[in-house]
């Protein structure tokens, strides 16, 4: 086995010492950053990749061994357009996320332990503007200046797998053990132990305990 010094020398010969030192310094910075975030969140072994955007940490409860790729955007929105909000973002143990995952909470988002996020997944419990009930937002108003609606909640159960490009929107509830196919949009409820896909996502298969396999919904007894 080559020593660490031998490996470093080989990398330096390949790319030059300057680029190698820059990579090493960035790695040290990420470890320091992750340690500081883990202490703030009381989330042992919190890890994320390059260029995260982490906002509203005091309104988050994160479990052990959270790991995310590059460009994570994790935000509990505490104020928008002059309106104070009281969000609570709860994430269980052993949750993993790929690159470019965006989780935004203005009211209540709960993510169960063991859940896995593909890349480019969006989870949000709010909208820009009001589109039901009194005082609805006009299409002539600037979307970024419309009030932030935060009346709904999002609940994602344990051991859920969200494929690449999935969007989980205000009011969605995903049961334990579900799989949601790539580029799906979840707006309602998906029962536990179900494979769902589409826009909006609909159940396609459900786990059958007796047969120990996933069975098409329309073929189940």
Protein backbone atom coordinates (compact mmCIF):
# COMPACT_ATOMS: atom_id res chain seq x y z
CA UNK A 1 0.00 0.00 0.00
CA UNK A 2 1.46 3.40 -0.93
CA UNK A 3 1.94 5.81 1.93
CA UNK A 4 -0.06 9.02 2.25
CA UNK A 5 3.03 11.03 1.31
CA UNK A 6 3.53 8.91 -1.81
CA UNK A 7 -0.09 9.48 -2.86
CA UNK A 8 0.21 13.22 -2.27
CA UNK A 9 3.42 13.36 -4.32
CA UNK A 10 1.70 11.53 -7.17
CA UNK A 11 -1.22 13.98 -7.09
CA UNK A 12 1.19 16.92 -7.02
CA UNK A 13 3.03 15.59 -10.08
CA UNK A 14 -0.30 15.23 -11.87
CA UNK A 15 -1.89 18.62 -11.06
CA UNK A 16 0.82 20.68 -9.35
CA UNK A 17 1.35 21.54 -5.70
CA UNK A 18 -0.75 24.70 -5.80
CA UNK A 19 -3.95 22.96 -6.87
CA UNK A 20 -3.26 20.13 -4.45
CA UNK A 21 -2.81 22.53 -1.53
CA UNK A 22 -6.01 24.36 -2.49
CA UNK A 23 -7.95 21.08 -2.47
CA UNK A 24 -6.47 20.09 0.88
CA UNK A 25 -7.28 23.46 2.44
CA UNK A 26 -10.87 23.27 1.21
CA UNK A 27 -11.18 19.81 2.73
CA UNK A 28 -9.96 21.09 6.09
CA UNK A 29 -12.41 24.03 5.92
CA UNK A 30 -15.32 21.68 5.17
CA UNK A 31 -14.46 19.52 8.18
CA UNK A 32 -14.35 22.58 10.46
CA UNK A 33 -17.64 23.87 9.00
CA UNK A 34 -19.39 20.52 9.41
CA UNK A 35 -18.19 20.26 13.01
CA UNK A 36 -19.56 23.74 13.79
CA UNK A 37 -22.94 22.95 12.18
CA UNK A 38 -23.12 19.60 13.98
CA UNK A 39 -22.58 21.35 17.33
CA UNK A 40 -25.21 24.00 16.57
CA UNK A 41 -27.80 21.40 15.53
CA UNK A 42 -26.75 18.79 18.11
CA UNK A 43 -26.54 16.48 15.08
CA UNK A 44 -23.53 14.14 15.46
CA UNK A 45 -21.62 13.40 12.25
CA UNK A 46 -23.39 16.05 10.15
CA UNK A 47 -21.69 16.23 6.73
CA UNK A 48 -22.33 18.10 3.50
CA UNK A 49 -20.36 18.89 0.35
CA UNK A 50 -19.34 22.09 -1.36
CA UNK A 51 -21.20 25.42 -1.19
CA UNK A 52 -24.11 24.64 1.13
CA UNK A 53 -26.74 27.24 1.99
CA UNK A 54 -27.85 26.65 5.59
CA UNK A 55 -30.30 29.16 7.07
CA UNK A 56 -32.48 29.18 10.19
CA UNK A 57 -30.58 26.49 12.08
CA UNK A 58 -32.24 27.38 15.39
CA UNK A 59 -35.53 26.18 13.86
CA UNK A 60 -34.19 22.77 12.81
CA UNK A 61 -33.98 19.42 14.60
CA UNK A 62 -31.59 17.10 12.78
CA UNK A 63 -30.67 13.56 13.82
CA UNK A 64 -27.43 11.62 13.64
CA UNK A 65 -25.39 10.92 10.50
CA UNK A 66 -27.00 13.41 8.12
CA UNK A 67 -24.97 13.40 4.88
CA UNK A 68 -25.50 15.53 1.76
CA UNK A 69 -23.64 16.19 -1.49
CA UNK A 70 -22.75 19.53 -3.04
CA UNK A 71 -24.95 22.66 -3.08
CA UNK A 72 -27.34 21.64 -0.32
CA UNK A 73 -29.97 24.31 0.43
CA UNK A 74 -31.50 23.70 3.84
CA UNK A 75 -33.62 26.59 5.11
CA UNK A 76 -36.12 27.28 7.84
CA UNK A 77 -37.68 30.56 6.70
CA UNK A 78 -38.11 32.81 9.75
CA UNK A 79 -39.09 36.04 7.98
CA UNK A 80 -40.38 36.99 4.55
CA UNK A 81 -41.59 40.36 3.24
CA UNK A 82 -41.69 41.76 6.76
CA UNK A 83 -43.75 38.88 8.18
CA UNK A 84 -42.27 36.81 11.03
CA UNK A 85 -42.66 33.03 10.71
CA UNK A 86 -42.18 30.15 13.17
CA UNK A 87 -41.03 27.14 11.14
CA UNK A 88 -39.91 23.75 12.41
CA UNK A 89 -37.85 21.50 10.15
CA UNK A 90 -37.34 18.02 11.63
CA UNK A 91 -34.99 15.43 10.08
CA UNK A 92 -34.43 11.96 11.53
CA UNK A 93 -31.29 9.83 11.77
CA UNK A 94 -29.24 8.48 8.85
CA UNK A 95 -30.79 10.70 6.17
CA UNK A 96 -28.80 11.01 2.94
CA UNK A 97 -29.07 13.53 0.12
CA UNK A 98 -27.33 13.80 -3.25
CA UNK A 99 -26.31 17.06 -4.97
CA UNK A 100 -28.54 20.15 -5.32
CA UNK A 101 -31.18 19.17 -2.78
CA UNK A 102 -33.41 22.05 -1.59
CA UNK A 103 -35.50 21.66 1.57
CA UNK A 104 -37.42 24.81 2.54
CA UNK A 105 -39.67 25.08 5.58
CA UNK A 106 -41.87 28.03 6.51
CA UNK A 107 -44.28 26.09 8.75
CA UNK A 108 -43.63 22.38 9.30
CA UNK A 109 -41.57 19.80 7.39
CA UNK A 110 -40.85 16.38 8.92
CA UNK A 111 -38.49 13.85 7.31
CA UNK A 112 -38.20 10.37 8.79
CA UNK A 113 -35.05 8.40 9.54
CA UNK A 114 -33.30 6.51 6.77
CA UNK A 115 -34.75 8.59 3.95
CA UNK A 116 -32.67 8.98 0.77
CA UNK A 117 -32.88 11.98 -1.58
CA UNK A 118 -31.72 11.81 -5.18
CA UNK A 119 -30.21 14.85 -6.88
CA UNK A 120 -32.23 18.02 -7.59
CA UNK A 121 -34.99 17.11 -5.13
CA UNK A 122 -37.15 19.98 -3.82
CA UNK A 123 -39.21 19.78 -0.63
CA UNK A 124 -41.27 22.83 0.35
CA UNK A 125 -44.30 23.51 2.54
CA UNK A 126 -45.17 26.96 1.17
CA UNK A 127 -45.96 29.03 -1.92
CA UNK A 128 -45.32 32.57 -3.09
CA UNK A 129 -48.77 34.08 -2.90
CA UNK A 130 -52.32 33.18 -1.82
CA UNK A 131 -54.49 31.35 -4.36
CA UNK A 132 -57.44 30.14 -2.27
CA UNK A 133 -59.81 31.91 0.11
CA UNK A 134 -60.00 35.68 0.66
CA UNK A 135 -57.35 38.22 -0.42
CA UNK A 136 -55.90 36.08 -3.20
CA UNK A 137 -52.75 37.22 -5.01
CA UNK A 138 -53.21 39.08 -8.27
CA UNK A 139 -51.33 37.90 -11.38
CA UNK A 140 -50.31 41.52 -11.87
CA UNK A 141 -48.25 41.49 -8.65
CA UNK A 142 -44.56 40.56 -8.59
CA UNK A 143 -44.29 36.93 -7.38
CA UNK A 144 -41.29 37.62 -5.14
CA UNK A 145 -43.29 40.33 -3.35
CA UNK A 146 -46.40 38.24 -2.74
CA UNK A 147 -47.02 37.04 0.84
CA UNK A 148 -45.56 33.66 1.66
CA UNK A 149 -48.31 31.14 2.36
CA UNK A 150 -47.28 28.70 5.08
CA UNK A 151 -50.51 27.07 6.22
CA UNK A 152 -49.68 23.51 5.14
CA UNK A 153 -47.28 20.83 6.32
CA UNK A 154 -45.12 18.21 4.66
CA UNK A 155 -44.52 14.77 6.19
CA UNK A 156 -42.08 12.26 4.67
CA UNK A 157 -41.90 8.94 6.48
CA UNK A 158 -38.98 6.69 7.34
CA UNK A 159 -36.93 4.77 4.77
CA UNK A 160 -38.38 6.72 1.84
CA UNK A 161 -36.45 6.99 -1.45
CA UNK A 162 -37.09 10.07 -3.58
CA UNK A 163 -35.64 9.77 -7.09
CA UNK A 164 -33.82 12.51 -8.99
CA UNK A 165 -35.81 15.66 -9.69
CA UNK A 166 -38.74 14.88 -7.37
CA UNK A 167 -40.77 17.83 -6.04
CA UNK A 168 -42.63 17.40 -2.74
CA UNK A 169 -45.05 20.29 -2.30
CA UNK A 170 -47.22 21.90 0.35
CA UNK A 171 -49.59 19.40 1.98
CA UNK A 172 -47.81 16.24 0.79
CA UNK A 173 -47.66 13.17 3.03
CA UNK A 174 -45.49 10.22 2.05
CA UNK A 175 -45.75 7.04 4.10
CA UNK A 176 -42.92 4.88 5.42
CA UNK A 177 -40.95 2.82 2.95
CA UNK A 178 -42.24 4.57 -0.18
CA UNK A 179 -40.35 5.00 -3.44
CA UNK A 180 -41.12 8.03 -5.60
CA UNK A 181 -39.96 7.89 -9.22
CA UNK A 182 -37.69 10.47 -10.84
CA UNK A 183 -39.22 13.86 -11.79
CA UNK A 184 -42.48 13.14 -9.97
CA UNK A 185 -44.52 15.84 -8.22
CA UNK A 186 -46.08 14.89 -4.88
CA UNK A 187 -49.03 17.05 -3.86
CA UNK A 188 -51.19 14.68 -1.81
CA UNK A 189 -50.89 11.50 0.21
CA UNK A 190 -48.96 8.37 -0.79
CA UNK A 191 -49.71 5.35 1.44
CA UNK A 192 -46.88 3.51 3.17
CA UNK A 193 -44.92 0.83 1.30
CA UNK A 194 -45.92 2.14 -2.12
CA UNK A 195 -44.07 2.91 -5.36
CA UNK A 196 -45.47 6.09 -6.93
CA UNK A 197 -44.62 8.20 -9.96
CA UNK A 198 -46.01 10.92 -12.18
CA UNK A 199 -47.11 14.54 -12.01
CA UNK A 200 -49.04 14.45 -9.82
CA UNK A 201 -47.59 11.26 -8.35
CA UNK A 202 -49.96 8.32 -8.07
CA UNK A 203 -49.46 4.85 -6.54
CA UNK A 204 -48.32 2.19 -9.01
CA UNK A 205 -47.16 -0.73 -6.86
CA UNK A 206 -47.52 -1.75 -3.23
CA UNK A 207 -45.42 -4.12 -1.15
CA UNK A 208 -47.18 -7.41 -0.41
CA UNK A 209 -45.93 -8.88 2.87
CA UNK A 210 -47.26 -12.36 2.19
CA UNK A 211 -45.71 -12.65 -1.28
CA UNK A 212 -42.62 -10.58 -0.37
CA UNK A 213 -42.73 -8.57 -3.59
CA UNK A 214 -44.03 -5.35 -5.11
CA UNK A 215 -47.42 -5.92 -6.74
CA UNK A 216 -49.15 -3.67 -9.27
CA UNK A 217 -51.99 -1.79 -7.55
CA UNK A 218 -54.71 -2.96 -9.97
CA UNK A 219 -53.68 -6.63 -9.57
CA UNK A 220 -53.83 -6.80 -5.78
CA UNK A 221 -56.67 -8.73 -4.16
